Amino acid sequence: MIRPLLRGIPGLVWLILVLHVAVVLWQTALFPNFRSPDERQHVDLITQVEQGVAWPWPDPGTLRMAQGSGAGGFTKSNRIDRPLHLADRPLPPRADRPSFSAAGGTTPLTAQPRNQLIQHPPLYYVAGAAVLQAIPGWDRIPFDLTYLALRWWNVLLAAALPLLLWAVARRLRLAEPLPVAAALVPLAIPELTHNESAVNNDNLLILLYAVLTLLVVRVLTGDATRRTALAIGAVGSLALLTKGFALLVPLWVGVAYAVPLFRGPGRRRVVWALAVAWLGTLPGVAWWIHNRIAYGSLQPHGRFTSVPELVARYPFTDGGVHWLLRLLERMNTLFFVHDQTGGGGHHAPWFLAFAAAVLIVAGVVVALALRALDRSTALVLLFPMVGLLAIVAKGSYEQFAATHTYAGMQGRYLYGGLIGVAIVALAALRRVPAAVSRAAPLGVLLFAILIQTVYIGYTVKLFWLPADGDVLAALRAIAAWYAFPPVVLALIVTILLVSLGAALFATVRLAGRPGAAAWPARRPTAAARLTRRPAVFARLARRPAVAARLARRSAVFARLARRPAVFARLARRPAVAARLARRSAVFARLARRPAVFARLARRPAVAACPARRPAVAARLARRSAVFARLARRPAVAACPARRPAVAARLARRSAVFARLARRPAVFARLARRPAVFARLARRPAVVAWLGRRPAVAVRLARRPAVAAWLGRRPAVFAQVGRRPAVAAGPARRPAMAARPALSGQPAVRLARTLPAAPGQAGVAGRGASGVRV
């Protein structure tokens, strides 16, 4: 699943990955320690887990902050009301900066509130403790260096986000270069890159939600294998052991599997896959069940031994509308940019955040209204964003109704739904001219440059700029306060600028060249090379697991379709044949192989698929032996009957129609097509079958053109004439009534079936032909 994906990634996407990592590493220097959300508490909890103080995991309200964790910061960790002017502060040499042990180690801070982050599951902090154990003597070196090592670890956690966005867009078959534009989305959200540069458990949760989104998209595109279900369960369980916002995962997985469950065949396999996925999440769910049993709440309060009771004292009419507007404004602003002062001011980054939100909402609305993406798929992708927003709104409103304060309004809580919203919004570009779609990567990159530049300028002014406004002094202060030597930061900035220039060049090239693919072009995969070796594929076809993988590759199957011996083996595998049936181009080639189709025709689920494709059914109609088998399956035979062009070809096959004639429901549909029945009427054997079907014959009698043909067929009319309802039909048409009278003996049989006219017991005379009537 992973290796083929990595082989197919274009060079431009790898370049975007390098640019993304360089931007995030640059922001590890731009933001001083403690100036990211709850960063001091996250670092403190990681160090105490590594030291054994916080392991086994402590009960709520029992863990105090450690003195040593304050050694890495040179700013306050709460809100600020004015610029800090860090460039004007005295700077200690790197060697003289305090270590964790020198600053007090794990000695509790009695003056500080307890560390509330123990309300979260322990996975992120145990992983961080493992990182610290890999650093020799981390507690004795300057703690700002240890702090920076933890920040770089978080950079690695989120590094793959552009690749996952690209993979999801490709899996959903967004046309090039929209997947490249998707890979650029993280760069256009500065607060996301800021969060990735900080020590925060959100980074692990964002990664796990991104991987889950890719797996869910595989389910939505037909992958109901147990391997994918196991992966979903495992990743979902890890997310549940990371943060409470993952409680949405089991419900999301159920919604995702509900889509293929109601779309078509294979329901039993989908149900089993869903069961496997849900079972896989049980280790993570068990943590929250334990909380409910032990503490009386799914998520306990970290600073208190028991969850404080929130009693609603203020109704919604008392400021509820203002709370809702405040919630939407804060969630949007803090999703894209930061507000370190908490004042809610409308600075330059705020306006760009508002513009970005308008573009995304417009894209989502257009995609849903114009069905740029399958409606059910789009709704499943949007589910995490809507669900996370609902969770945040619920908690914030409970706090507001009890205390009339605004709390919990953090846009970063919604990053788990980022990929889904971004993909749905970009899918709207399917409905614009090709020139606009080609410019999408360039447009996203230019917006990213604009908002990142404004964001960085605002941050430098807030933290680093000296009182005299010397920008160079601010940049020198950033390099001097950085824990690594200045040469490391210079290398990061160089890589950032070079990769940015290369990405600009590549996206401009994409926008200016019609039909240009993501640069550089992909090399042929190993599977594509194998398709040129019949002997190899003959062996592969005997392995179900291998054949199942091959079935997911259109280009490979296109070549396989030219190998009768290989397809003959594949046709014996139901799971493979089911995938084959979803590929029109492959079936077009298969239709030229009678032996292969003969086997496929024995599988109802497979045979039903080509019957829904006009081009395939048209080829099938030229194969009598294949259709003879298909004709034994009512559900399959009913499908071509809805296609005039196919039915017209079917009408030329007497043997096939002889079998179809045993299916009343199929003939009922065929009877509504005059052109088809006109050809049918030329086949005595077929009409003989029809004569035994009253419901079909009644419809035949209502077709003048068909009845005209029947009138010229004495033997056929002799059989059809035994049906009163049929015989009455032509008799009501003057032109038709004249024709049987010229036919001799068949007219006698027809006349015997006609009802007598009023006042006549019968006709005793003779007709013009001398036959007594």
Foldseek 3Di string as FASTA:
>chain_A
DPVVLVQADFPLLVLLLLLLLLLLLLLLLLDFPLLAPCQLLLQQLLQCVLVVNCPVHDFFQPAAGAQLSVQQGDDDNAFDAFFAQLLPDDFDALQPRFFSVRRGHRDGDPVDFGRFVSLAFCPLSVVSSVQVVVDPPRRGHRVNVVQQSLLSVLSVLQSCLLSLLLLLLVLLPDDPPLSLLSSLQVLLFVLSSSVSSGNDLLSNLLSLLSVLSSLLSCLLSPPLDLVSLLVLLQSLLVNLNRGPLSVCSLVLLVLSLVNVCPPDPPNVSSVVSNVSNVVSNVNSVVQQVCCCVPAVHSGAGRNDSHRDDFDQDADCVRCVVVLVVVLVLLLQLLRRADDSNPPSDCDPLSVLSVVVVVLLVVLLVLCCVVVLDPNSSLCSLQVSQVSQSVVQVVVQVSCCRRPVDGDSRHNSSRSSSVSSSSSSSSSSCVPPDPLVNLLSNVVSLVSSVVSVVVRSVVSLRRYHQHPVRDPVSSVVSSQRSNSDHSVVSVVSVVSNVVSSVVSNVQSVVSSVDPPDHRPPHRDDDPLLVCLVPLVSLLVQLQDVVSLLVQLVDLNNLLSVLVPQNNLQSNLVHVNSLLSQLQHPSNLLSVLVPVNNLQSNLVDVNNLQSLLQPVSNLLSVLVPQNNLLSNLVPQSNLQSVLVPVNSLQSNLVRLNSLLSNLVPVVSLVSNLVDLNSLLSNLVDLSNLLSVLVPLVNLLSQLQRVSNLVSVLVPLVSLLSNLVHLSSLVSLVVPVVSLVSNVVVPPSVVSNVVSYDDDPPDPDAQPADPVRDGD
